[in-house]
Amino acid sequence: MSDPTWSALQKSAAIIPKIGGALSIVACSLLIRDVAMKWKENRSIPFPTLMIFAIAIPTLIQSFFQDFMTTWMVPDATHNQYQYHQYQAAYLAAGTTASCTFQGFVSLTCIMLAGLYYTELAIVYWGTVRHGWTETKMNQTGFRVAFFLPPVVVSLGLTVPPLFYELYNFSGLSICQFMPYPMDCAWDDEVPCLRGNTEATVIFFYLFVGFGALYNVTIVVFMVMLTHAIWKQERAMDRFLTPGQEKRRKQTRRTYKQGLRYVVSYLICWMPTFVGTIISLMHGHSTAALAYVNFIIAPLWGFFLGGVYFVPRYETYREKNPSGGRLQALVHVLNIDIDLLETTLASVDDTTGNETTLASDDDTTGNQTPLLSEIA
């Protein structure tokens, strides 16, 4: 079989997502490491943090096998015998049918699992503010089982059956996902399905889209309800203000900003995928512009998740330490061992005959690290 001429879109589909996938892998790894360090130190971990930890694990797995691996897990030309569609072959493909099935199953399972945990996290935030859910209540075994177990059951209940119908196949550009093979058989009656069938595709497609739409709407609704609940509480406190005192909505603004980050980290990243999948299954292909947006935005899901976790802590640290530099705040929030970094830098300089001195935060002179304080 002669090598096809790869288009810019096909090359972009294989390469661009790797960048966002790598960033998401780093962000999720830092998040997981941060929570693991708290466990190791026997520190109390709030239930919402455990929920974010539960989101980070499948997001990390999905970022690696889908966004970073991309077409490396797609069957190569020697395994791809039926190229009805112009995008049935994949640039940099190096996998087999088994690796393609694995990629599709693992990626979709992780996406479903993380999406459901995201939905529950929004409910937990709202319940804490609106109904006063305490850590004591949320630490109860029954409460935790009710929140952590159902997403696993639902996700596997939706993603395992397609395995028996051979419905995880190459999607046409970058990855293997829920799709019959060859993809043309989904909309062209003259093309036979060699893996999967149209009836099963339609059934599972509506199940996936239905659940996706349900928890997307739920996330938005509960974040709006959360912001409104805090605004009502602050408004109720206005009656205690003396004449001339300014009404403050600091908590409402903070919650709005966090809610905005929260929604952006999930909905914005996955909206192009959600829309593109519907268009592809209805018309056979999506638009090139939407595809490029998807290659750039969707893999950053885990990167934005890290923002949801670390940015509020960064802002709090900056407020409490206004004289400190941004790099110092970032090092503190990410739990980076600055002493180890200084030792490493000093070792490198020793090999060249130079010595570099960086003052530490607990320097006996009381000075902050110059390198950190310069970046304010």
Foldseek 3Di string as FASTA:
>chain_A
DDDDDDDPQQVLLAPLLQVLLVLLLVLLVLLLVVVVVCVVVVHDDFPLSVLLNQLSVLLNVLSVLPRNCWQCAAAAPVQQPDPPDPLQHGPNHNHHLVSQLVSALSNQLSLQLSLLSLLVSLVVLLCCLPVVDDSVNCPDPVNVCVRNVVSNVVSCVLRVVLVVQQQFHDPRHIGTHRAFPPNCQLPDVVDDTPGGHNVVSVVSVCVVLVSVVVSLVSLVVSLVSSLVSLVVVQVVCVVVDDPPDDRDDVVSVVSVVLSVLSNCLPCVLCVLVSVQVVCCSVPVGGDSVSSSSNSNRNSNSSVSSSCSVQVVQLVVVCVVPVQWASVVSVCVSSVPDVVVVQVVVQVVVVVVVDGDDFADCVHPVNDHTPVGSVHD
